[in-house]
Amino acid sequence: MADWIKTIFGIAPTVAAALGGPLAGAAVSAIGGALGMTEPTKEGIAKAFADGQIKPEDLAKIRQLEIEFKTHESDMGFKYAELAAKQDEINAQDRGSARDLLKATGSYVPATLTFGITIGYFVVLLGMMLKQFTIADSQVMLMMLGQLGTAWGVTIAFWFGTTRNSQEKTTLLANSAPVK
């Protein structure tokens, strides 16, 4: 967990729980707004914390967000930590049904795609490291590497699962009390 998220978790655990779920964008926007950012991003917030730009009044604003997020949970009848767990459950069911389809059909397409994506990713990565591909001015090459990296991660998760223990995280967040 990033240091700034640990700090947020310490003063606003409900807001931190939102950062780990499907409403992370809303949490980032709220935190960034509390910090006075016009275009908040996780990277921008992390930089503000790392550079020591956060003042006590900023932390107080984030603490106020905790109250707002808890009120929102109460009004809407859900918990942000449970949303993250639900999203993980949906993703696991999606992978499970894809694996079941593979077992039922015996299709060679998933394996072929995995090999193709793996070879493509590492060829591009190796070419960049050996300076066979120049990336200094090539946004297309960087986009392709990003897409291949994402696709490779998804295909590996399909075959081997993920190492994320979301249930433990969700339980810890749901049972935590705000720091006083």
N, C-alpha and C. Protein backbone atom coordinates (compact mmCIF):
# COMPACT_ATOMS: atom_id res chain seq x y z
N MET A 1 0.86 -1.17 0.00
CA MET A 1 0.00 0.00 0.00
C MET A 1 0.90 1.23 0.00
N ALA A 2 0.57 2.19 -0.81
CA ALA A 2 1.36 3.41 -0.89
C ALA A 2 1.30 4.15 0.44
N ASP A 3 2.38 4.87 0.77
CA ASP A 3 2.44 5.58 2.04
C ASP A 3 1.30 6.57 2.20
N TRP A 4 0.95 7.28 1.13
CA TRP A 4 -0.12 8.27 1.26
C TRP A 4 -1.46 7.59 1.53
N ILE A 5 -1.65 6.39 1.00
CA ILE A 5 -2.90 5.67 1.27
C ILE A 5 -2.93 5.22 2.72
N LYS A 6 -1.76 4.83 3.28
CA LYS A 6 -1.70 4.49 4.69
C LYS A 6 -2.08 5.69 5.56
N THR A 7 -1.62 6.85 5.16
CA THR A 7 -1.97 8.07 5.89
C THR A 7 -3.47 8.31 5.82
N ILE A 8 -4.03 8.20 4.62
CA ILE A 8 -5.47 8.38 4.45
C ILE A 8 -6.22 7.35 5.30
N PHE A 9 -5.75 6.10 5.27
CA PHE A 9 -6.39 5.04 6.05
C PHE A 9 -6.39 5.37 7.53
N GLY A 10 -5.31 5.99 8.00
CA GLY A 10 -5.21 6.34 9.41
C GLY A 10 -6.19 7.42 9.84
N ILE A 11 -6.49 8.36 8.96
CA ILE A 11 -7.38 9.46 9.35
C ILE A 11 -8.78 9.34 8.75
N ALA A 12 -8.91 8.57 7.68
CA ALA A 12 -10.21 8.44 7.00
C ALA A 12 -10.34 7.06 6.37
N PRO A 13 -10.56 6.02 7.20
CA PRO A 13 -10.59 4.65 6.66
C PRO A 13 -11.68 4.40 5.63
N THR A 14 -12.81 5.08 5.74
CA THR A 14 -13.88 4.87 4.76
C THR A 14 -13.45 5.42 3.41
N VAL A 15 -12.78 6.57 3.41
CA VAL A 15 -12.27 7.15 2.17
C VAL A 15 -11.21 6.23 1.58
N ALA A 16 -10.34 5.68 2.43
CA ALA A 16 -9.31 4.74 1.95
C ALA A 16 -9.94 3.49 1.35
N ALA A 17 -11.03 3.01 1.97
CA ALA A 17 -11.73 1.84 1.42
C ALA A 17 -12.29 2.15 0.04
N ALA A 18 -12.79 3.37 -0.14
CA ALA A 18 -13.32 3.76 -1.45
C ALA A 18 -12.22 3.77 -2.50
N LEU A 19 -10.98 4.08 -2.09
CA LEU A 19 -9.86 4.08 -3.04
C LEU A 19 -9.59 2.70 -3.61
N GLY A 20 -9.98 1.65 -2.90
CA GLY A 20 -9.72 0.29 -3.36
C GLY A 20 -10.86 -0.35 -4.13
N GLY A 21 -11.93 0.38 -4.37
CA GLY A 21 -13.08 -0.21 -5.02
C GLY A 21 -13.45 0.46 -6.32
N PRO A 22 -14.65 0.15 -6.81
CA PRO A 22 -15.07 0.69 -8.10
C PRO A 22 -15.34 2.20 -8.09
N LEU A 23 -15.41 2.80 -6.91
CA LEU A 23 -15.62 4.24 -6.82
C LEU A 23 -14.33 4.98 -6.47
N ALA A 24 -13.19 4.39 -6.83
CA ALA A 24 -11.89 5.00 -6.54
C ALA A 24 -11.77 6.38 -7.18
N GLY A 25 -12.31 6.54 -8.36
CA GLY A 25 -12.24 7.84 -9.04
C GLY A 25 -12.92 8.93 -8.24
N ALA A 26 -14.06 8.60 -7.63
CA ALA A 26 -14.76 9.58 -6.80
C ALA A 26 -13.94 9.92 -5.57
N ALA A 27 -13.30 8.92 -4.98
CA ALA A 27 -12.46 9.17 -3.81
C ALA A 27 -11.27 10.04 -4.16
N VAL A 28 -10.63 9.75 -5.29
CA VAL A 28 -9.48 10.55 -5.74
C VAL A 28 -9.92 12.00 -5.98
N SER A 29 -11.07 12.17 -6.63
CA SER A 29 -11.58 13.53 -6.88
C SER A 29 -11.85 14.26 -5.57
N ALA A 30 -12.44 13.56 -4.61
CA ALA A 30 -12.76 14.18 -3.33
C ALA A 30 -11.49 14.57 -2.57
N ILE A 31 -10.52 13.67 -2.53
CA ILE A 31 -9.27 13.96 -1.83
C ILE A 31 -8.54 15.11 -2.52
N GLY A 32 -8.45 15.01 -3.85
CA GLY A 32 -7.80 16.08 -4.61
C GLY A 32 -8.49 17.42 -4.41
N GLY A 33 -9.81 17.41 -4.38
CA GLY A 33 -10.55 18.64 -4.12
C GLY A 33 -10.25 19.21 -2.75
N ALA A 34 -10.15 18.31 -1.75
CA ALA A 34 -9.81 18.75 -0.40
C ALA A 34 -8.41 19.36 -0.34
N LEU A 35 -7.55 18.89 -1.22
CA LEU A 35 -6.17 19.41 -1.27
C LEU A 35 -6.03 20.61 -2.21
N GLY A 36 -7.14 21.01 -2.84
CA GLY A 36 -7.12 22.17 -3.72
C GLY A 36 -6.61 21.89 -5.12
N MET A 37 -6.62 20.65 -5.53
CA MET A 37 -6.16 20.29 -6.87
C MET A 37 -7.29 20.50 -7.87
N THR A 38 -6.95 21.05 -9.03
CA THR A 38 -7.97 21.26 -10.07
C THR A 38 -8.19 19.99 -10.89
N GLU A 39 -7.16 19.21 -11.10
CA GLU A 39 -7.26 17.95 -11.82
C GLU A 39 -6.58 16.85 -11.00
N PRO A 40 -7.28 16.33 -9.99
CA PRO A 40 -6.64 15.36 -9.10
C PRO A 40 -6.42 14.00 -9.75
N THR A 41 -5.28 13.42 -9.45
CA THR A 41 -4.94 12.06 -9.85
C THR A 41 -4.27 11.37 -8.67
N LYS A 42 -4.24 10.04 -8.69
CA LYS A 42 -3.53 9.33 -7.61
C LYS A 42 -2.07 9.76 -7.57
N GLU A 43 -1.48 9.92 -8.75
CA GLU A 43 -0.08 10.31 -8.81
C GLU A 43 0.14 11.70 -8.23
N GLY A 44 -0.77 12.62 -8.55
CA GLY A 44 -0.67 13.98 -8.03
C GLY A 44 -0.81 14.03 -6.52
N ILE A 45 -1.74 13.23 -5.99
CA ILE A 45 -1.92 13.17 -4.54
C ILE A 45 -0.68 12.56 -3.89
N ALA A 46 -0.18 11.47 -4.48
CA ALA A 46 1.02 10.82 -3.94
C ALA A 46 2.19 11.80 -3.92
N LYS A 47 2.34 12.58 -4.98
CA LYS A 47 3.43 13.56 -5.05
C LYS A 47 3.28 14.63 -3.98
N ALA A 48 2.05 15.09 -3.77
CA ALA A 48 1.81 16.11 -2.74
C ALA A 48 2.20 15.58 -1.36
N PHE A 49 1.86 14.33 -1.08
CA PHE A 49 2.25 13.74 0.21
C PHE A 49 3.76 13.54 0.29
N ALA A 50 4.35 13.02 -0.78
CA ALA A 50 5.79 12.74 -0.79
C ALA A 50 6.62 14.02 -0.67
N ASP A 51 6.13 15.10 -1.28
CA ASP A 51 6.87 16.36 -1.26
C ASP A 51 6.61 17.19 -0.01
N GLY A 52 5.80 16.68 0.91
CA GLY A 52 5.52 17.39 2.15
C GLY A 52 4.65 18.62 1.97
N GLN A 53 3.80 18.62 0.94
CA GLN A 53 2.94 19.78 0.67
C GLN A 53 1.64 19.74 1.47
N ILE A 54 1.41 18.68 2.20
CA ILE A 54 0.16 18.53 2.94
C ILE A 54 0.28 19.23 4.29
N LYS A 55 -0.66 20.12 4.56
CA LYS A 55 -0.68 20.88 5.80
C LYS A 55 -1.72 20.28 6.74
N PRO A 56 -1.64 20.61 8.03
CA PRO A 56 -2.63 20.08 8.98
C PRO A 56 -4.08 20.39 8.57
N GLU A 57 -4.31 21.56 7.99
CA GLU A 57 -5.68 21.89 7.57
C GLU A 57 -6.14 21.01 6.41
N ASP A 58 -5.19 20.54 5.58
CA ASP A 58 -5.54 19.60 4.52
C ASP A 58 -5.99 18.27 5.11
N LEU A 59 -5.27 17.83 6.14
CA LEU A 59 -5.65 16.58 6.81
C LEU A 59 -7.02 16.72 7.48
N ALA A 60 -7.30 17.89 8.01
CA ALA A 60 -8.62 18.14 8.61
C ALA A 60 -9.71 18.05 7.54
N LYS A 61 -9.43 18.56 6.34
CA LYS A 61 -10.41 18.47 5.24
C LYS A 61 -10.64 17.01 4.84
N ILE A 62 -9.57 16.22 4.84
CA ILE A 62 -9.71 14.80 4.51
C ILE A 62 -10.50 14.10 5.61
N ARG A 63 -10.28 14.49 6.85
CA ARG A 63 -11.05 13.92 7.97
C ARG A 63 -12.54 14.28 7.80
N GLN A 64 -12.82 15.48 7.31
CA GLN A 64 -14.20 15.88 7.03
C GLN A 64 -14.80 15.00 5.93
N LEU A 65 -13.96 14.64 4.94
CA LEU A 65 -14.43 13.72 3.89
C LEU A 65 -14.87 12.39 4.48
N GLU A 66 -14.17 11.94 5.52
CA GLU A 66 -14.54 10.68 6.17
C GLU A 66 -15.99 10.74 6.65
N ILE A 67 -16.34 11.86 7.26
CA ILE A 67 -17.71 12.03 7.76
C ILE A 67 -18.69 12.01 6.59
N GLU A 68 -18.35 12.71 5.52
CA GLU A 68 -19.22 12.75 4.34
C GLU A 68 -19.37 11.36 3.71
N PHE A 69 -18.27 10.62 3.61
CA PHE A 69 -18.32 9.29 3.01
C PHE A 69 -19.13 8.33 3.89
N LYS A 70 -18.98 8.43 5.21
CA LYS A 70 -19.77 7.58 6.12
C LYS A 70 -21.26 7.91 6.00
N THR A 71 -21.58 9.20 5.88
CA THR A 71 -22.97 9.61 5.70
C THR A 71 -23.51 9.06 4.38
N HIS A 72 -22.69 9.13 3.35
CA HIS A 72 -23.09 8.61 2.04
C HIS A 72 -23.35 7.11 2.12
N GLU A 73 -22.47 6.38 2.82
CA GLU A 73 -22.68 4.95 3.01
C GLU A 73 -24.03 4.69 3.69
N SER A 74 -24.29 5.44 4.74
CA SER A 74 -25.52 5.27 5.49
C SER A 74 -26.75 5.59 4.64
N ASP A 75 -26.68 6.70 3.90
CA ASP A 75 -27.80 7.11 3.05
C ASP A 75 -28.06 6.11 1.93
N MET A 76 -27.00 5.56 1.36
CA MET A 76 -27.14 4.67 0.21
C MET A 76 -27.28 3.19 0.61
N GLY A 77 -26.99 2.88 1.87
CA GLY A 77 -27.16 1.51 2.34
C GLY A 77 -26.09 0.55 1.88
N PHE A 78 -24.85 0.98 1.77
CA PHE A 78 -23.74 0.11 1.41
C PHE A 78 -22.48 0.56 2.12
N LYS A 79 -21.45 -0.26 2.02
CA LYS A 79 -20.13 0.11 2.55
C LYS A 79 -19.14 0.05 1.40
N TYR A 80 -18.26 1.05 1.35
CA TYR A 80 -17.27 1.11 0.26
C TYR A 80 -16.41 -0.16 0.25
N ALA A 81 -16.05 -0.67 1.43
CA ALA A 81 -15.23 -1.88 1.49
C ALA A 81 -15.97 -3.07 0.88
N GLU A 82 -17.30 -3.13 1.08
CA GLU A 82 -18.08 -4.22 0.50
C GLU A 82 -18.18 -4.10 -1.02
N LEU A 83 -18.19 -2.86 -1.53
CA LEU A 83 -18.21 -2.68 -2.99
C LEU A 83 -16.94 -3.24 -3.62
N ALA A 84 -15.80 -3.01 -2.97
CA ALA A 84 -14.54 -3.55 -3.48
C ALA A 84 -14.58 -5.08 -3.50
N ALA A 85 -15.13 -5.66 -2.43
CA ALA A 85 -15.23 -7.12 -2.37
C ALA A 85 -16.18 -7.64 -3.44
N LYS A 86 -17.29 -6.95 -3.65
CA LYS A 86 -18.26 -7.35 -4.67
C LYS A 86 -17.64 -7.31 -6.06
N GLN A 87 -16.85 -6.26 -6.33
CA GLN A 87 -16.17 -6.15 -7.61
C GLN A 87 -15.20 -7.31 -7.81
N ASP A 88 -14.47 -7.67 -6.76
CA ASP A 88 -13.56 -8.81 -6.84
C ASP A 88 -14.32 -10.10 -7.10
N GLU A 89 -15.48 -10.24 -6.46
CA GLU A 89 -16.30 -11.44 -6.65
C GLU A 89 -16.80 -11.54 -8.10
N ILE A 90 -17.23 -10.42 -8.65
CA ILE A 90 -17.70 -10.40 -10.04
C ILE A 90 -16.56 -10.77 -10.98
N ASN A 91 -15.37 -10.20 -10.73
CA ASN A 91 -14.21 -10.51 -11.58
C ASN A 91 -13.85 -11.99 -11.49
N ALA A 92 -13.92 -12.56 -10.28
CA ALA A 92 -13.60 -13.98 -10.10
C ALA A 92 -14.63 -14.85 -10.83
N GLN A 93 -15.90 -14.48 -10.76
CA GLN A 93 -16.93 -15.23 -11.47
C GLN A 93 -16.72 -15.16 -12.98
N ASP A 94 -16.31 -13.98 -13.46
CA ASP A 94 -16.06 -13.81 -14.89
C ASP A 94 -14.92 -14.73 -15.34
N ARG A 95 -13.82 -14.74 -14.58
CA ARG A 95 -12.70 -15.63 -14.92
C ARG A 95 -13.12 -17.09 -14.83
N GLY A 96 -13.92 -17.41 -13.79
CA GLY A 96 -14.38 -18.78 -13.61
C GLY A 96 -15.23 -19.26 -14.77
N SER A 97 -16.13 -18.40 -15.25
CA SER A 97 -16.97 -18.81 -16.37
C SER A 97 -16.15 -18.96 -17.64
N ALA A 98 -15.13 -18.12 -17.81
CA ALA A 98 -14.26 -18.26 -18.98
C ALA A 98 -13.47 -19.57 -18.91
N ARG A 99 -13.02 -19.92 -17.72
CA ARG A 99 -12.30 -21.19 -17.56
C ARG A 99 -13.23 -22.38 -17.81
N ASP A 100 -14.47 -22.27 -17.30
CA ASP A 100 -15.44 -23.34 -17.55
C ASP A 100 -15.71 -23.52 -19.04
N LEU A 101 -15.83 -22.42 -19.76
CA LEU A 101 -16.04 -22.48 -21.20
C LEU A 101 -14.85 -23.17 -21.88
N LEU A 102 -13.65 -22.84 -21.44
CA LEU A 102 -12.45 -23.47 -21.99
C LEU A 102 -12.47 -24.98 -21.76
N LYS A 103 -12.86 -25.39 -20.55
CA LYS A 103 -12.93 -26.82 -20.25
C LYS A 103 -13.98 -27.51 -21.12
N ALA A 104 -15.11 -26.85 -21.30
CA ALA A 104 -16.21 -27.46 -22.05
C ALA A 104 -15.92 -27.56 -23.54
N THR A 105 -15.25 -26.57 -24.09
CA THR A 105 -15.04 -26.55 -25.54
C THR A 105 -13.69 -27.09 -25.96
N GLY A 106 -12.71 -27.04 -25.07
CA GLY A 106 -11.37 -27.47 -25.44
C GLY A 106 -10.73 -26.57 -26.50
N SER A 107 -11.16 -25.34 -26.56
CA SER A 107 -10.66 -24.40 -27.58
C SER A 107 -9.18 -24.10 -27.39
N TYR A 108 -8.47 -23.95 -28.48
CA TYR A 108 -7.06 -23.60 -28.45
C TYR A 108 -6.86 -22.08 -28.51
N VAL A 109 -7.91 -21.32 -28.70
CA VAL A 109 -7.80 -19.86 -28.87
C VAL A 109 -7.21 -19.17 -27.64
N PRO A 110 -7.67 -19.44 -26.39
CA PRO A 110 -7.07 -18.75 -25.25
C PRO A 110 -5.56 -18.99 -25.11
N ALA A 111 -5.15 -20.22 -25.32
CA ALA A 111 -3.71 -20.51 -25.22
C ALA A 111 -2.93 -19.81 -26.32
N THR A 112 -3.48 -19.80 -27.53
CA THR A 112 -2.82 -19.13 -28.65
C THR A 112 -2.70 -17.63 -28.39
N LEU A 113 -3.77 -17.03 -27.90
CA LEU A 113 -3.73 -15.60 -27.56
C LEU A 113 -2.70 -15.32 -26.46
N THR A 114 -2.67 -16.18 -25.45
CA THR A 114 -1.71 -16.00 -24.36
C THR A 114 -0.27 -16.05 -24.89
N PHE A 115 0.03 -17.03 -25.72
CA PHE A 115 1.38 -17.13 -26.28
C PHE A 115 1.70 -15.91 -27.15
N GLY A 116 0.75 -15.52 -27.99
CA GLY A 116 0.97 -14.37 -28.86
C GLY A 116 1.20 -13.08 -28.07
N ILE A 117 0.39 -12.86 -27.06
CA ILE A 117 0.54 -11.65 -26.24
C ILE A 117 1.85 -11.68 -25.46
N THR A 118 2.19 -12.85 -24.90
CA THR A 118 3.44 -12.97 -24.15
C THR A 118 4.65 -12.71 -25.04
N ILE A 119 4.67 -13.33 -26.21
CA ILE A 119 5.79 -13.13 -27.13
C ILE A 119 5.85 -11.68 -27.58
N GLY A 120 4.72 -11.10 -27.96
CA GLY A 120 4.69 -9.71 -28.39
C GLY A 120 5.17 -8.77 -27.30
N TYR A 121 4.71 -8.96 -26.09
CA TYR A 121 5.10 -8.09 -24.97
C TYR A 121 6.60 -8.13 -24.74
N PHE A 122 7.14 -9.34 -24.65
CA PHE A 122 8.56 -9.44 -24.33
C PHE A 122 9.45 -9.07 -25.52
N VAL A 123 9.00 -9.27 -26.74
CA VAL A 123 9.77 -8.82 -27.90
C VAL A 123 9.86 -7.30 -27.91
N VAL A 124 8.73 -6.63 -27.69
CA VAL A 124 8.73 -5.16 -27.65
C VAL A 124 9.58 -4.66 -26.48
N LEU A 125 9.42 -5.27 -25.31
CA LEU A 125 10.18 -4.86 -24.14
C LEU A 125 11.68 -5.06 -24.35
N LEU A 126 12.06 -6.20 -24.88
CA LEU A 126 13.47 -6.48 -25.15
C LEU A 126 14.01 -5.53 -26.22
N GLY A 127 13.24 -5.29 -27.27
CA GLY A 127 13.65 -4.36 -28.31
C GLY A 127 13.89 -2.96 -27.76
N MET A 128 13.06 -2.55 -26.81
CA MET A 128 13.24 -1.23 -26.21
C MET A 128 14.49 -1.21 -25.33
N MET A 129 14.71 -2.28 -24.58
CA MET A 129 15.88 -2.32 -23.69
C MET A 129 17.18 -2.38 -24.49
N LEU A 130 17.16 -3.06 -25.63
CA LEU A 130 18.36 -3.17 -26.46
C LEU A 130 18.48 -2.00 -27.45
N LYS A 131 17.56 -1.04 -27.32
CA LYS A 131 17.54 0.16 -28.15
C LYS A 131 17.35 -0.14 -29.63
N GLN A 132 16.65 -1.23 -29.92
CA GLN A 132 16.28 -1.53 -31.30
C GLN A 132 15.06 -0.71 -31.71
N PHE A 133 14.23 -0.39 -30.71
CA PHE A 133 13.08 0.47 -30.94
C PHE A 133 13.33 1.78 -30.21
N THR A 134 13.22 2.86 -30.92
CA THR A 134 13.38 4.16 -30.25
C THR A 134 12.03 4.63 -29.76
N ILE A 135 11.99 4.98 -28.51
CA ILE A 135 10.71 5.36 -27.93
C ILE A 135 10.67 6.84 -27.55
N ALA A 136 11.76 7.54 -27.73
CA ALA A 136 11.83 8.93 -27.30
C ALA A 136 10.67 9.76 -27.85
N ASP A 137 10.35 9.59 -29.09
CA ASP A 137 9.28 10.37 -29.70
C ASP A 137 8.10 9.51 -30.14
N SER A 138 8.05 8.28 -29.67
CA SER A 138 7.03 7.37 -30.17
C SER A 138 5.95 7.09 -29.13
N GLN A 139 4.92 7.90 -29.15
CA GLN A 139 3.79 7.66 -28.26
C GLN A 139 3.10 6.35 -28.63
N VAL A 140 3.12 6.00 -29.90
CA VAL A 140 2.48 4.77 -30.35
C VAL A 140 3.17 3.56 -29.71
N MET A 141 4.50 3.58 -29.67
CA MET A 141 5.25 2.47 -29.07
C MET A 141 4.94 2.36 -27.57
N LEU A 142 4.87 3.48 -26.89
CA LEU A 142 4.55 3.46 -25.46
C LEU A 142 3.12 2.96 -25.23
N MET A 143 2.19 3.39 -26.06
CA MET A 143 0.82 2.91 -25.94
C MET A 143 0.75 1.41 -26.18
N MET A 144 1.48 0.94 -27.20
CA MET A 144 1.47 -0.49 -27.51
C MET A 144 2.05 -1.29 -26.34
N LEU A 145 3.15 -0.81 -25.77
CA LEU A 145 3.74 -1.52 -24.64
C LEU A 145 2.77 -1.54 -23.46
N GLY A 146 2.09 -0.43 -23.20
CA GLY A 146 1.11 -0.38 -22.12
C GLY A 146 -0.04 -1.34 -22.34
N GLN A 147 -0.54 -1.38 -23.57
CA GLN A 147 -1.64 -2.30 -23.88
C GLN A 147 -1.19 -3.75 -23.79
N LEU A 148 -0.01 -4.05 -24.30
CA LEU A 148 0.50 -5.42 -24.21
C LEU A 148 0.75 -5.82 -22.76
N GLY A 149 1.26 -4.89 -21.95
CA GLY A 149 1.49 -5.17 -20.53
C GLY A 149 0.19 -5.48 -19.80
N THR A 150 -0.83 -4.70 -20.09
CA THR A 150 -2.13 -4.92 -19.47
C THR A 150 -2.72 -6.26 -19.93
N ALA A 151 -2.67 -6.51 -21.23
CA ALA A 151 -3.19 -7.76 -21.77
C ALA A 151 -2.44 -8.95 -21.22
N TRP A 152 -1.13 -8.83 -21.07
CA TRP A 152 -0.33 -9.92 -20.54
C TRP A 152 -0.74 -10.22 -19.10
N GLY A 153 -0.93 -9.17 -18.29
CA GLY A 153 -1.37 -9.36 -16.91
C GLY A 153 -2.71 -10.06 -16.82
N VAL A 154 -3.63 -9.69 -17.70
CA VAL A 154 -4.96 -10.30 -17.70
C VAL A 154 -4.88 -11.77 -18.11
N THR A 155 -4.07 -12.08 -19.10
CA THR A 155 -3.97 -13.48 -19.54
C THR A 155 -3.31 -14.34 -18.47
N ILE A 156 -2.32 -13.81 -17.78
CA ILE A 156 -1.68 -14.56 -16.70
C ILE A 156 -2.67 -14.78 -15.56
N ALA A 157 -3.47 -13.76 -15.25
CA ALA A 157 -4.51 -13.91 -14.21
C ALA A 157 -5.53 -14.97 -14.62
N PHE A 158 -5.82 -15.07 -15.91
CA PHE A 158 -6.76 -16.09 -16.39
C PHE A 158 -6.23 -17.49 -16.08
N TRP A 159 -4.96 -17.71 -16.39
CA TRP A 159 -4.39 -19.05 -16.23
C TRP A 159 -4.01 -19.37 -14.80
N PHE A 160 -3.50 -18.40 -14.06
CA PHE A 160 -2.95 -18.68 -12.74
C PHE A 160 -3.72 -18.04 -11.59
N GLY A 161 -4.71 -17.21 -11.88
CA GLY A 161 -5.44 -16.51 -10.83
C GLY A 161 -4.65 -15.28 -10.40
N THR A 162 -5.15 -14.62 -9.36
CA THR A 162 -4.45 -13.45 -8.85
C THR A 162 -3.99 -13.73 -7.44
N THR A 163 -3.04 -12.95 -6.96
CA THR A 163 -2.51 -13.14 -5.62
C THR A 163 -3.15 -12.19 -4.63
N ARG A 164 -4.11 -11.44 -5.09
CA ARG A 164 -4.73 -10.43 -4.23
C ARG A 164 -5.69 -11.11 -3.25
N ASN A 165 -5.48 -10.86 -1.99
CA ASN A 165 -6.37 -11.43 -0.98
C ASN A 165 -7.35 -10.35 -0.56
N SER A 166 -8.33 -10.13 -1.39
CA SER A 166 -9.27 -9.04 -1.19
C SER A 166 -10.16 -9.25 0.02
N GLN A 167 -10.52 -10.49 0.30
CA GLN A 167 -11.42 -10.73 1.43
C GLN A 167 -10.77 -10.28 2.73
N GLU A 168 -9.49 -10.57 2.90
CA GLU A 168 -8.79 -10.15 4.11
C GLU A 168 -8.75 -8.63 4.20
N LYS A 169 -8.45 -7.97 3.09
CA LYS A 169 -8.41 -6.51 3.06
C LYS A 169 -9.78 -5.94 3.40
N THR A 170 -10.81 -6.50 2.82
CA THR A 170 -12.17 -6.01 3.04
C THR A 170 -12.56 -6.16 4.50
N THR A 171 -12.24 -7.30 5.07
CA THR A 171 -12.57 -7.53 6.47
C THR A 171 -11.84 -6.53 7.37
N LEU A 172 -10.56 -6.31 7.11
CA LEU A 172 -9.79 -5.35 7.91
C LEU A 172 -10.38 -3.96 7.80
N LEU A 173 -10.73 -3.55 6.60
CA LEU A 173 -11.30 -2.22 6.42
C LEU A 173 -12.67 -2.10 7.06
N ALA A 174 -13.49 -3.11 6.92
CA ALA A 174 -14.85 -3.05 7.46
C ALA A 174 -14.84 -3.03 8.98
N ASN A 175 -13.87 -3.70 9.60
CA ASN A 175 -13.83 -3.76 11.06
C ASN A 175 -12.97 -2.69 11.69
N SER A 176 -12.37 -1.84 10.91
CA SER A 176 -11.48 -0.83 11.46
C SER A 176 -12.27 0.32 12.06
N ALA A 177 -11.64 0.96 13.01
CA ALA A 177 -12.23 2.16 13.61
C ALA A 177 -11.33 3.34 13.27
N PRO A 178 -11.91 4.51 13.08
CA PRO A 178 -11.07 5.68 12.78
C PRO A 178 -10.09 5.97 13.91
N VAL A 179 -8.92 6.45 13.56
CA VAL A 179 -7.92 6.83 14.54
C VAL A 179 -8.39 8.11 15.22
N LYS A 180 -8.30 8.13 16.53
CA LYS A 180 -8.76 9.32 17.27
C LYS A 180 -7.59 10.10 17.81
